PDB file of N, CA and C in Angstrom:
ATOM      1  N   MET A   1     -30.786  34.084  48.740  1.00  0.00           N
ATOM      2  CA  MET A   1     -30.598  34.255  47.328  1.00  0.00           C
ATOM      3  C   MET A   1     -29.098  34.235  47.024  1.00  0.00           C
ATOM      4  N   THR A   2     -28.725  33.502  45.976  1.00  0.00           N
ATOM      5  CA  THR A   2     -27.314  33.394  45.627  1.00  0.00           C
ATOM      6  C   THR A   2     -26.924  34.520  44.677  1.00  0.00           C
ATOM      7  N   PRO A   3     -25.741  35.043  44.846  1.00  0.00           N
ATOM      8  CA  PRO A   3     -25.300  36.114  43.945  1.00  0.00           C
ATOM      9  C   PRO A   3     -25.028  35.551  42.549  1.00  0.00           C
ATOM     10  N   PRO A   4     -25.254  36.305  41.469  1.00  0.00           N
ATOM     11  CA  PRO A   4     -25.007  35.803  40.102  1.00  0.00           C
ATOM     12  C   PRO A   4     -23.515  35.538  39.896  1.00  0.00           C
ATOM     13  N   LEU A   5     -23.237  34.497  39.228  1.00  0.00           N
ATOM     14  CA  LEU A   5     -21.848  34.139  38.950  1.00  0.00           C
ATOM     15  C   LEU A   5     -21.270  35.043  37.864  1.00  0.00           C
ATOM     16  N   ARG A   6     -19.990  35.247  37.936  1.00  0.00           N
ATOM     17  CA  ARG A   6     -19.341  36.095  36.937  1.00  0.00           C
ATOM     18  C   ARG A   6     -19.358  35.448  35.554  1.00  0.00           C
ATOM     19  N   LEU A   7     -19.418  34.135  35.552  1.00  0.00           N
ATOM     20  CA  LEU A   7     -19.413  33.441  34.258  1.00  0.00           C
ATOM     21  C   LEU A   7     -20.710  33.645  33.490  1.00  0.00           C
ATOM     22  N   ILE A   8     -21.788  33.917  34.196  1.00  0.00           N
ATOM     23  CA  ILE A   8     -23.063  34.141  33.515  1.00  0.00           C
ATOM     24  C   ILE A   8     -22.978  35.391  32.652  1.00  0.00           C
ATOM     25  N   ARG A   9     -22.190  36.346  33.059  1.00  0.00           N
ATOM     26  CA  ARG A   9     -22.041  37.568  32.267  1.00  0.00           C
ATOM     27  C   ARG A   9     -21.298  37.289  30.953  1.00  0.00           C
ATOM     28  N   LEU A  10     -20.489  36.235  30.936  1.00  0.00           N
ATOM     29  CA  LEU A  10     -19.750  35.891  29.723  1.00  0.00           C
ATOM     30  C   LEU A  10     -20.583  35.070  28.740  1.00  0.00           C
ATOM     31  N   ALA A  11     -21.706  34.558  29.166  1.00  0.00           N
ATOM     32  CA  ALA A  11     -22.523  33.686  28.319  1.00  0.00           C
ATOM     33  C   ALA A  11     -22.931  34.352  27.008  1.00  0.00           C
ATOM     34  N   PRO A  12     -23.397  35.613  27.003  1.00  0.00           N
ATOM     35  CA  PRO A  12     -23.749  36.220  25.708  1.00  0.00           C
ATOM     36  C   PRO A  12     -22.547  36.348  24.769  1.00  0.00           C
ATOM     37  N   LEU A  13     -21.378  36.640  25.315  1.00  0.00           N
ATOM     38  CA  LEU A  13     -20.189  36.750  24.462  1.00  0.00           C
ATOM     39  C   LEU A  13     -19.801  35.401  23.864  1.00  0.00           C
ATOM     40  N   VAL A  14     -19.891  34.366  24.660  1.00  0.00           N
ATOM     41  CA  VAL A  14     -19.580  33.034  24.167  1.00  0.00           C
ATOM     42  C   VAL A  14     -20.590  32.623  23.104  1.00  0.00           C
ATOM     43  N   SER A  15     -21.845  32.928  23.330  1.00  0.00           N
ATOM     44  CA  SER A  15     -22.885  32.614  22.363  1.00  0.00           C
ATOM     45  C   SER A  15     -22.642  33.338  21.041  1.00  0.00           C
ATOM     46  N   LEU A  16     -22.285  34.610  21.109  1.00  0.00           N
ATOM     47  CA  LEU A  16     -21.997  35.368  19.895  1.00  0.00           C
ATOM     48  C   LEU A  16     -20.782  34.798  19.161  1.00  0.00           C
ATOM     49  N   ALA A  17     -19.779  34.392  19.901  1.00  0.00           N
ATOM     50  CA  ALA A  17     -18.590  33.818  19.270  1.00  0.00           C
ATOM     51  C   ALA A  17     -18.930  32.515  18.549  1.00  0.00           C
ATOM     52  N   MET A  18     -19.779  31.713  19.150  1.00  0.00           N
ATOM     53  CA  MET A  18     -20.172  30.458  18.516  1.00  0.00           C
ATOM     54  C   MET A  18     -20.989  30.709  17.254  1.00  0.00           C
ATOM     55  N   ILE A  19     -21.902  31.675  17.320  1.00  0.00           N
ATOM     56  CA  ILE A  19     -22.717  31.994  16.153  1.00  0.00           C
ATOM     57  C   ILE A  19     -21.840  32.542  15.031  1.00  0.00           C
ATOM     58  N   ALA A  20     -20.892  33.396  15.377  1.00  0.00           N
ATOM     59  CA  ALA A  20     -20.015  33.974  14.362  1.00  0.00           C
ATOM     60  C   ALA A  20     -19.145  32.906  13.712  1.00  0.00           C
ATOM     61  N   SER A  21     -18.675  31.947  14.482  1.00  0.00           N
ATOM     62  CA  SER A  21     -17.836  30.901  13.889  1.00  0.00           C
ATOM     63  C   SER A  21     -18.652  30.004  12.973  1.00  0.00           C
ATOM     64  N   CYS A  22     -19.906  29.767  13.304  1.00  0.00           N
ATOM     65  CA  CYS A  22     -20.753  28.959  12.426  1.00  0.00           C
ATOM     66  C   CYS A  22     -21.102  29.725  11.156  1.00  0.00           C
ATOM     67  N   ALA A  23     -21.297  31.019  11.262  1.00  0.00           N
ATOM     68  CA  ALA A  23     -21.656  31.811  10.090  1.00  0.00           C
ATOM     69  C   ALA A  23     -20.489  31.902   9.119  1.00  0.00           C
ATOM     70  N   ALA A  24     -19.260  31.844   9.617  1.00  0.00           N
ATOM     71  CA  ALA A  24     -18.101  31.960   8.744  1.00  0.00           C
ATOM     72  C   ALA A  24     -17.775  30.649   8.042  1.00  0.00           C
ATOM     73  N   SER A  25     -18.240  29.533   8.563  1.00  0.00           N
ATOM     74  CA  SER A  25     -17.922  28.258   7.940  1.00  0.00           C
ATOM     75  C   SER A  25     -18.816  28.028   6.733  1.00  0.00           C
ATOM     76  N   LEU A  26     -18.305  27.228   5.815  1.00  0.00           N
ATOM     77  CA  LEU A  26     -19.057  26.927   4.609  1.00  0.00           C
ATOM     78  C   LEU A  26     -20.173  25.940   4.914  1.00  0.00           C
ATOM     79  N   PRO A  27     -21.284  26.037   4.220  1.00  0.00           N
ATOM     80  CA  PRO A  27     -22.350  25.061   4.437  1.00  0.00           C
ATOM     81  C   PRO A  27     -21.926  23.698   3.891  1.00  0.00           C
ATOM     82  N   PRO A  28     -22.478  22.637   4.437  1.00  0.00           N
ATOM     83  CA  PRO A  28     -22.118  21.311   3.917  1.00  0.00           C
ATOM     84  C   PRO A  28     -22.583  21.184   2.473  1.00  0.00           C
ATOM     85  N   SER A  29     -21.731  20.607   1.661  1.00  0.00           N
ATOM     86  CA  SER A  29     -22.054  20.495   0.248  1.00  0.00           C
ATOM     87  C   SER A  29     -22.689  19.144  -0.048  1.00  0.00           C
ATOM     88  N   ALA A  30     -23.222  19.053  -1.221  1.00  0.00           N
ATOM     89  CA  ALA A  30     -23.815  17.794  -1.672  1.00  0.00           C
ATOM     90  C   ALA A  30     -22.698  16.802  -1.970  1.00  0.00           C
ATOM     91  N   PRO A  31     -23.000  15.526  -1.967  1.00  0.00           N
ATOM     92  CA  PRO A  31     -21.962  14.538  -2.288  1.00  0.00           C
ATOM     93  C   PRO A  31     -21.531  14.671  -3.747  1.00  0.00           C
ATOM     94  N   PRO A  32     -20.313  14.253  -4.063  1.00  0.00           N
ATOM     95  CA  PRO A  32     -19.843  14.361  -5.442  1.00  0.00           C
ATOM     96  C   PRO A  32     -20.653  13.470  -6.374  1.00  0.00           C
ATOM     97  N   PRO A  33     -20.693  13.810  -7.653  1.00  0.00           N
ATOM     98  CA  PRO A  33     -21.467  13.001  -8.599  1.00  0.00           C
ATOM     99  C   PRO A  33     -20.857  11.620  -8.775  1.00  0.00           C
ATOM    100  N   ARG A  34     -21.716  10.651  -9.004  1.00  0.00           N
ATOM    101  CA  ARG A  34     -21.282   9.267  -9.202  1.00  0.00           C
ATOM    102  C   ARG A  34     -21.912   8.722 -10.470  1.00  0.00           C
ATOM    103  N   LEU A  35     -21.191   7.871 -11.152  1.00  0.00           N
ATOM    104  CA  LEU A  35     -21.700   7.193 -12.336  1.00  0.00           C
ATOM    105  C   LEU A  35     -22.004   5.751 -11.976  1.00  0.00           C
ATOM    106  N   SER A  36     -23.010   5.203 -12.602  1.00  0.00           N
ATOM    107  CA  SER A  36     -23.297   3.782 -12.361  1.00  0.00           C
ATOM    108  C   SER A  36     -22.591   2.963 -13.441  1.00  0.00           C
ATOM    109  N   LEU A  37     -22.009   1.865 -13.013  1.00  0.00           N
ATOM    110  CA  LEU A  37     -21.301   0.996 -13.953  1.00  0.00           C
ATOM    111  C   LEU A  37     -22.301   0.247 -14.821  1.00  0.00           C
ATOM    112  N   PRO A  38     -21.982   0.063 -16.079  1.00  0.00           N
ATOM    113  CA  PRO A  38     -22.841  -0.758 -16.936  1.00  0.00           C
ATOM    114  C   PRO A  38     -22.859  -2.207 -16.450  1.00  0.00           C
ATOM    115  N   THR A  39     -23.929  -2.898 -16.744  1.00  0.00           N
ATOM    116  CA  THR A  39     -24.051  -4.285 -16.259  1.00  0.00           C
ATOM    117  C   THR A  39     -22.972  -5.182 -16.856  1.00  0.00           C
ATOM    118  N   ALA A  40     -22.504  -4.874 -18.059  1.00  0.00           N
ATOM    119  CA  ALA A  40     -21.450  -5.696 -18.663  1.00  0.00           C
ATOM    120  C   ALA A  40     -20.160  -5.619 -17.855  1.00  0.00           C
ATOM    121  N   ALA A  41     -19.941  -4.491 -17.183  1.00  0.00           N
ATOM    122  CA  ALA A  41     -18.718  -4.329 -16.403  1.00  0.00           C
ATOM    123  C   ALA A  41     -18.825  -4.978 -15.032  1.00  0.00           C
ATOM    124  N   THR A  42     -20.018  -5.263 -14.554  1.00  0.00           N
ATOM    125  CA  THR A  42     -20.174  -5.823 -13.207  1.00  0.00           C
ATOM    126  C   THR A  42     -20.455  -7.326 -13.201  1.00  0.00           C
ATOM    127  N   THR A  43     -20.821  -7.892 -14.339  1.00  0.00           N
ATOM    128  CA  THR A  43     -21.084  -9.335 -14.365  1.00  0.00           C
ATOM    129  C   THR A  43     -19.762 -10.100 -14.445  1.00  0.00           C
ATOM    130  N   PRO A  44     -19.655 -11.207 -13.726  1.00  0.00           N
ATOM    131  CA  PRO A  44     -18.409 -11.972 -13.771  1.00  0.00           C
ATOM    132  C   PRO A  44     -18.213 -12.656 -15.126  1.00  0.00           C
ATOM    133  N   CYS A  45     -16.989 -12.866 -15.471  1.00  0.00           N
ATOM    134  CA  CYS A  45     -16.659 -13.527 -16.738  1.00  0.00           C
ATOM    135  C   CYS A  45     -16.913 -15.034 -16.623  1.00  0.00           C
ATOM    136  N   VAL A  46     -17.441 -15.597 -17.690  1.00  0.00           N
ATOM    137  CA  VAL A  46     -17.697 -17.037 -17.734  1.00  0.00           C
ATOM    138  C   VAL A  46     -16.795 -17.625 -18.808  1.00  0.00           C
ATOM    139  N   LEU A  47     -15.931 -18.531 -18.408  1.00  0.00           N
ATOM    140  CA  LEU A  47     -15.028 -19.183 -19.346  1.00  0.00           C
ATOM    141  C   LEU A  47     -15.413 -20.643 -19.501  1.00  0.00           C
ATOM    142  N   ALA A  48     -15.152 -21.164 -20.679  1.00  0.00           N
ATOM    143  CA  ALA A  48     -15.510 -22.561 -20.975  1.00  0.00           C
ATOM    144  C   ALA A  48     -14.677 -23.519 -20.135  1.00  0.00           C
ATOM    145  N   VAL A  49     -15.320 -24.616 -19.722  1.00  0.00           N
ATOM    146  CA  VAL A  49     -14.664 -25.647 -18.914  1.00  0.00           C
ATOM    147  C   VAL A  49     -14.721 -26.958 -19.696  1.00  0.00           C
ATOM    148  N   LEU A  50     -13.664 -27.717 -19.586  1.00  0.00           N
ATOM    149  CA  LEU A  50     -13.615 -28.996 -20.291  1.00  0.00           C
ATOM    150  C   LEU A  50     -14.515 -30.033 -19.612  1.00  0.00           C
ATOM    151  N   PRO A  51     -15.086 -30.947 -20.385  1.00  0.00           N
ATOM    152  CA  PRO A  51     -15.880 -32.025 -19.772  1.00  0.00           C
ATOM    153  C   PRO A  51     -14.972 -33.018 -19.040  1.00  0.00           C
ATOM    154  N   GLU A  52     -15.586 -34.020 -18.423  1.00  0.00           N
ATOM    155  CA  GLU A  52     -14.842 -35.009 -17.627  1.00  0.00           C
ATOM    156  C   GLU A  52     -13.794 -35.749 -18.461  1.00  0.00           C
ATOM    157  N   ALA A  53     -14.188 -36.261 -19.590  1.00  0.00           N
ATOM    158  CA  ALA A  53     -13.253 -36.993 -20.457  1.00  0.00           C
ATOM    159  C   ALA A  53     -13.163 -36.243 -21.785  1.00  0.00           C
ATOM    160  N   PRO A  54     -12.273 -35.241 -21.859  1.00  0.00           N
ATOM    161  CA  PRO A  54     -12.238 -34.427 -23.081  1.00  0.00           C
ATOM    162  C   PRO A  54     -11.588 -35.163 -24.250  1.00  0.00           C
ATOM    163  N   THR A  55     -12.113 -34.889 -25.414  1.00  0.00           N
ATOM    164  CA  THR A  55     -11.531 -35.404 -26.655  1.00  0.00           C
ATOM    165  C   THR A  55     -10.801 -34.250 -27.338  1.00  0.00           C
ATOM    166  N   ARG A  56     -10.190 -34.552 -28.443  1.00  0.00           N
ATOM    167  CA  ARG A  56      -9.477 -33.509 -29.189  1.00  0.00           C
ATOM    168  C   ARG A  56     -10.463 -32.420 -29.649  1.00  0.00           C
ATOM    169  N   ALA A  57     -11.647 -32.817 -30.068  1.00  0.00           N
ATOM    170  CA  ALA A  57     -12.662 -31.847 -30.511  1.00  0.00           C
ATOM    171  C   ALA A  57     -13.096 -30.969 -29.336  1.00  0.00           C
ATOM    172  N   ASP A  58     -13.251 -31.560 -28.138  1.00  0.00           N
ATOM    173  CA  ASP A  58     -13.612 -30.784 -26.950  1.00  0.00           C
ATOM    174  C   ASP A  58     -12.543 -29.743 -26.634  1.00  0.00           C
ATOM    175  N   LEU A  59     -11.273 -30.134 -26.779  1.00  0.00           N
ATOM    176  CA  LEU A  59     -10.178 -29.194 -26.544  1.00  0.00           C
ATOM    177  C   LEU A  59     -10.217 -28.033 -27.544  1.00  0.00           C
ATOM    178  N   ASP A  60     -10.488 -28.341 -28.812  1.00  0.00           N
ATOM    179  CA  ASP A  60     -10.554 -27.287 -29.830  1.00  0.00           C
ATOM    180  C   ASP A  60     -11.712 -26.338 -29.566  1.00  0.00           C
ATOM    181  N   VAL A  61     -12.872 -26.889 -29.196  1.00  0.00           N
ATOM    182  CA  VAL A  61     -14.044 -26.057 -28.920  1.00  0.00           C
ATOM    183  C   VAL A  61     -13.806 -25.202 -27.664  1.00  0.00           C
ATOM    184  N   ALA A  62     -13.252 -25.792 -26.618  1.00  0.00           N
ATOM    185  CA  ALA A  62     -12.991 -25.049 -25.388  1.00  0.00           C
ATOM    186  C   ALA A  62     -11.968 -23.948 -25.631  1.00  0.00           C
ATOM    187  N   TYR A  63     -10.967 -24.233 -26.496  1.00  0.00           N
ATOM    188  CA  TYR A  63      -9.958 -23.228 -26.821  1.00  0.00           C
ATOM    189  C   TYR A  63     -10.614 -22.016 -27.495  1.00  0.00           C
ATOM    190  N   ALA A  64     -11.481 -22.245 -28.445  1.00  0.00           N
ATOM    191  CA  ALA A  64     -12.163 -21.157 -29.148  1.00  0.00           C
ATOM    192  C   ALA A  64     -13.121 -20.408 -28.210  1.00  0.00           C
ATOM    193  N   GLU A  65     -13.853 -21.174 -27.389  1.00  0.00           N
ATOM    194  CA  GLU A  65     -14.792 -20.527 -26.458  1.00  0.00           C
ATOM    195  C   GLU A  65     -14.063 -19.689 -25.410  1.00  0.00           C
ATOM    196  N   ARG A  66     -12.942 -20.187 -24.922  1.00  0.00           N
ATOM    197  CA  ARG A  66     -12.167 -19.408 -23.948  1.00  0.00           C
ATOM    198  C   ARG A  66     -11.611 -18.135 -24.573  1.00  0.00           C
ATOM    199  N   GLY A  67     -11.171 -18.231 -25.812  1.00  0.00           N
ATOM    200  CA  GLY A  67     -10.680 -17.041 -26.502  1.00  0.00           C
ATOM    201  C   GLY A  67     -11.776 -15.987 -26.632  1.00  0.00           C
ATOM    202  N   ALA A  68     -12.974 -16.415 -27.019  1.00  0.00           N
ATOM    203  CA  ALA A  68     -14.095 -15.474 -27.128  1.00  0.00           C
ATOM    204  C   ALA A  68     -14.472 -14.920 -25.750  1.00  0.00           C
ATOM    205  N   GLY A  69     -14.414 -15.762 -24.724  1.00  0.00           N
ATOM    206  CA  GLY A  69     -14.720 -15.302 -23.360  1.00  0.00           C
ATOM    207  C   GLY A  69     -13.698 -14.291 -22.864  1.00  0.00           C
ATOM    208  N   LEU A  70     -12.428 -14.507 -23.177  1.00  0.00           N
ATOM    209  CA  LEU A  70     -11.382 -13.562 -22.768  1.00  0.00           C
ATOM    210  C   LEU A  70     -11.541 -12.220 -23.474  1.00  0.00           C
ATOM    211  N   VAL A  71     -11.933 -12.249 -24.744  1.00  0.00           N
ATOM    212  CA  VAL A  71     -12.172 -11.001 -25.471  1.00  0.00           C
ATOM    213  C   VAL A  71     -13.338 -10.244 -24.839  1.00  0.00           C
ATOM    214  N   ALA A  72     -14.410 -10.952 -24.478  1.00  0.00           N
ATOM    215  CA  ALA A  72     -15.562 -10.318 -23.837  1.00  0.00           C
ATOM    216  C   ALA A  72     -15.185  -9.769 -22.456  1.00  0.00           C
ATOM    217  N   CYS A  73     -14.368 -10.511 -21.702  1.00  0.00           N
ATOM    218  CA  CYS A  73     -13.930 -10.045 -20.380  1.00  0.00           C
ATOM    219  C   CYS A  73     -13.058  -8.799 -20.503  1.00  0.00           C
ATOM    220  N   GLU A  74     -12.195  -8.779 -21.491  1.00  0.00           N
ATOM    221  CA  GLU A  74     -11.333  -7.612 -21.681  1.00  0.00           C
ATOM    222  C   GLU A  74     -12.168  -6.385 -22.057  1.00  0.00           C
ATOM    223  N   GLY A  75     -13.188  -6.570 -22.874  1.00  0.00           N
ATOM    224  CA  GLY A  75     -14.083  -5.460 -23.207  1.00  0.00           C
ATOM    225  C   GLY A  75     -14.824  -4.950 -21.985  1.00  0.00           C
ATOM    226  N   ALA A  76     -15.287  -5.856 -21.140  1.00  0.00           N
ATOM    227  CA  ALA A  76     -15.983  -5.450 -19.912  1.00  0.00           C
ATOM    228  C   ALA A  76     -15.027  -4.741 -18.951  1.00  0.00           C
ATOM    229  N   ARG A  77     -13.786  -5.211 -18.867  1.00  0.00           N
ATOM    230  CA  ARG A  77     -12.807  -4.562 -18.010  1.00  0.00           C
ATOM    231  C   ARG A  77     -12.496  -3.159 -18.511  1.00  0.00           C
ATOM    232  N   ARG A  78     -12.326  -3.034 -19.814  1.00  0.00           N
ATOM    233  CA  ARG A  78     -12.045  -1.721 -20.400  1.00  0.00           C
ATOM    234  C   ARG A  78     -13.214  -0.759 -20.161  1.00  0.00           C
ATOM    235  N   LEU A  79     -14.430  -1.264 -20.260  1.00  0.00           N
ATOM    236  CA  LEU A  79     -15.615  -0.442 -20.001  1.00  0.00           C
ATOM    237  C   LEU A  79     -15.654   0.020 -18.545  1.00  0.00           C
ATOM    238  N   ALA A  80     -15.293  -0.853 -17.616  1.00  0.00           N
ATOM    239  CA  ALA A  80     -15.268  -0.478 -16.198  1.00  0.00           C
ATOM    240  C   ALA A  80     -14.187   0.568 -15.925  1.00  0.00           C
ATOM    241  N   VAL A  81     -13.018   0.416 -16.542  1.00  0.00           N
ATOM    242  CA  VAL A  81     -11.935   1.381 -16.338  1.00  0.00           C
ATOM    243  C   VAL A  81     -12.315   2.739 -16.920  1.00  0.00           C
ATOM    244  N   GLU A  82     -12.921   2.759 -18.101  1.00  0.00           N
ATOM    245  CA  GLU A  82     -13.344   4.028 -18.706  1.00  0.00           C
ATOM    246  C   GLU A  82     -14.405   4.707 -17.857  1.00  0.00           C
ATOM    247  N   SER A  83     -15.328   3.935 -17.295  1.00  0.00           N
ATOM    248  CA  SER A  83     -16.360   4.518 -16.422  1.00  0.00           C
ATOM    249  C   SER A  83     -15.733   5.105 -15.167  1.00  0.00           C
ATOM    250  N   LEU A  84     -14.767   4.412 -14.595  1.00  0.00           N
ATOM    251  CA  LEU A  84     -14.093   4.905 -13.397  1.00  0.00           C
ATOM    252  C   LEU A  84     -13.331   6.199 -13.683  1.00  0.00           C
ATOM    253  N   LEU A  85     -12.621   6.239 -14.802  1.00  0.00           N
ATOM    254  CA  LEU A  85     -11.873   7.445 -15.156  1.00  0.00           C
ATOM    255  C   LEU A  85     -12.812   8.617 -15.441  1.00  0.00           C
ATOM    256  N   ALA A  86     -13.935   8.344 -16.091  1.00  0.00           N
ATOM    257  CA  ALA A  86     -14.906   9.407 -16.360  1.00  0.00           C
ATOM    258  C   ALA A  86     -15.515   9.920 -15.057  1.00  0.00           C
ATOM    259  N   GLU A  87     -15.788   9.021 -14.116  1.00  0.00           N
ATOM    260  CA  GLU A  87     -16.341   9.432 -12.824  1.00  0.00           C
ATOM    261  C   GLU A  87     -15.334  10.280 -12.053  1.00  0.00           C
ATOM    262  N   ARG A  88     -14.079   9.890 -12.066  1.00  0.00           N
ATOM    263  CA  ARG A  88     -13.052  10.676 -11.359  1.00  0.00           C
ATOM    264  C   ARG A  88     -12.879  12.054 -11.988  1.00  0.00           C
ATOM    265  N   ALA A  89     -12.919  12.143 -13.319  1.00  0.00           N
ATOM    266  CA  ALA A  89     -12.817  13.446 -13.983  1.00  0.00           C
ATOM    267  C   ALA A  89     -14.014  14.319 -13.632  1.00  0.00           C
ATOM    268  N   LEU A  90     -15.196  13.716 -13.580  1.00  0.00           N
ATOM    269  CA  LEU A  90     -16.406  14.456 -13.212  1.00  0.00           C
ATOM    270  C   LEU A  90     -16.320  14.961 -11.777  1.00  0.00           C
ATOM    271  N   GLN A  91     -15.804  14.144 -10.869  1.00  0.00           N
ATOM    272  CA  GLN A  91     -15.658  14.564  -9.476  1.00  0.00           C
ATOM    273  C   GLN A  91     -14.592  15.644  -9.328  1.00  0.00           C
ATOM    274  N   ASP A  92     -13.507  15.560 -10.103  1.00  0.00           N
ATOM    275  CA  ASP A  92     -12.479  16.606 -10.049  1.00  0.00           C
ATOM    276  C   ASP A  92     -13.042  17.942 -10.519  1.00  0.00           C
ATOM    277  N   ARG A  93     -13.828  17.918 -11.607  1.00  0.00           N
ATOM    278  CA  ARG A  93     -14.460  19.150 -12.083  1.00  0.00           C
ATOM    279  C   ARG A  93     -15.421  19.702 -11.049  1.00  0.00           C
ATOM    280  N   TRP A  94     -16.173  18.801 -10.385  1.00  0.00           N
ATOM    281  CA  TRP A  94     -17.135  19.224  -9.367  1.00  0.00           C
ATOM    282  C   TRP A  94     -16.405  19.874  -8.193  1.00  0.00           C
ATOM    283  N   ARG A  95     -15.290  19.271  -7.752  1.00  0.00           N
ATOM    284  CA  ARG A  95     -14.528  19.845  -6.637  1.00  0.00           C
ATOM    285  C   ARG A  95     -13.928  21.194  -7.012  1.00  0.00           C
ATOM    286  N   ALA A  96     -13.463  21.333  -8.249  1.00  0.00           N
ATOM    287  CA  ALA A  96     -12.909  22.616  -8.689  1.00  0.00           C
ATOM    288  C   ALA A  96     -13.993  23.693  -8.717  1.00  0.00           C
ATOM    289  N   ASP A  97     -15.192  23.321  -9.164  1.00  0.00           N
ATOM    290  CA  ASP A  97     -16.301  24.290  -9.171  1.00  0.00           C
ATOM    291  C   ASP A  97     -16.672  24.703  -7.756  1.00  0.00           C
ATOM    292  N   ILE A  98     -16.679  23.753  -6.824  1.00  0.00           N
ATOM    293  CA  ILE A  98     -17.002  24.058  -5.425  1.00  0.00           C
ATOM    294  C   ILE A  98     -15.932  24.983  -4.841  1.00  0.00           C
ATOM    295  N   ALA A  99     -14.664  24.711  -5.131  1.00  0.00           N
ATOM    296  CA  ALA A  99     -13.578  25.548  -4.604  1.00  0.00           C
ATOM    297  C   ALA A  99     -13.665  26.960  -5.171  1.00  0.00           C
ATOM    298  N   ARG A 100     -13.971  27.077  -6.474  1.00  0.00           N
ATOM    299  CA  ARG A 100     -14.114  28.396  -7.079  1.00  0.00           C
ATOM    300  C   ARG A 100     -15.286  29.150  -6.460  1.00  0.00           C
ATOM    301  N   ALA A 101     -16.389  28.464  -6.234  1.00  0.00           N
ATOM    302  CA  ALA A 101     -17.559  29.111  -5.645  1.00  0.00           C
ATOM    303  C   ALA A 101     -17.293  29.545  -4.213  1.00  0.00           C
ATOM    304  N   SER A 102     -16.553  28.749  -3.457  1.00  0.00           N
ATOM    305  CA  SER A 102     -16.274  29.118  -2.065  1.00  0.00           C
ATOM    306  C   SER A 102     -15.314  30.292  -1.998  1.00  0.00           C
ATOM    307  N   LYS A 103     -14.370  30.391  -2.935  1.00  0.00           N
ATOM    308  CA  LYS A 103     -13.467  31.529  -2.952  1.00  0.00           C
ATOM    309  C   LYS A 103     -14.216  32.821  -3.280  1.00  0.00           C
ATOM    310  N   ARG A 104     -15.175  32.729  -4.191  1.00  0.00           N
ATOM    311  CA  ARG A 104     -15.964  33.906  -4.533  1.00  0.00           C
ATOM    312  C   ARG A 104     -16.820  34.352  -3.345  1.00  0.00           C
ATOM    313  N   ARG A 105     -17.342  33.393  -2.618  1.00  0.00           N
ATOM    314  CA  ARG A 105     -18.248  33.714  -1.527  1.00  0.00           C
ATOM    315  C   ARG A 105     -17.525  34.343  -0.339  1.00  0.00           C
ATOM    316  N   LEU A 106     -16.246  33.993  -0.128  1.00  0.00           N
ATOM    317  CA  LEU A 106     -15.531  34.478   1.042  1.00  0.00           C
ATOM    318  C   LEU A 106     -14.861  35.825   0.831  1.00  0.00           C
ATOM    319  N   ARG A 107     -14.902  36.377  -0.348  1.00  0.00           N
ATOM    320  CA  ARG A 107     -14.285  37.687  -0.581  1.00  0.00           C
ATOM    321  C   ARG A 107     -15.098  38.778   0.113  1.00  0.00           C
ATOM    322  N   PRO A 108     -14.416  39.699   0.806  1.00  0.00           N
ATOM    323  CA  PRO A 108     -15.151  40.727   1.547  1.00  0.00           C
ATOM    324  C   PRO A 108     -15.687  41.841   0.674  1.00  0.00           C
ATOM    325  N   TRP A 109     -15.261  41.963  -0.556  1.00  0.00           N
ATOM    326  CA  TRP A 109     -15.754  43.073  -1.376  1.00  0.00           C
ATOM    327  C   TRP A 109     -16.706  42.616  -2.429  1.00  0.00           C
TER     328      TRP A 109
END
């Protein structure tokens, strides 16, 4: 029969230390909130293209169509930027709430 090792006597202490360190750590939190982008912000912009042999009328029509397309693209870009900024503000508020809750939970009194 082999004599018990001295390290076996330390096993309960090591186990308790591991349990205590896990109990002191914060539980994993949920992922931060996310917003979905509107479809207008995710669709690519379509601009007018000139035909093979453009005439003066084709140039005038393409000029007007491109102007309208650029206005629509700028609106979609602005919508995407506003959605991104709103999502970041929402995530910042969520992180601040999590930090406040964790500070309250760790107080000993």
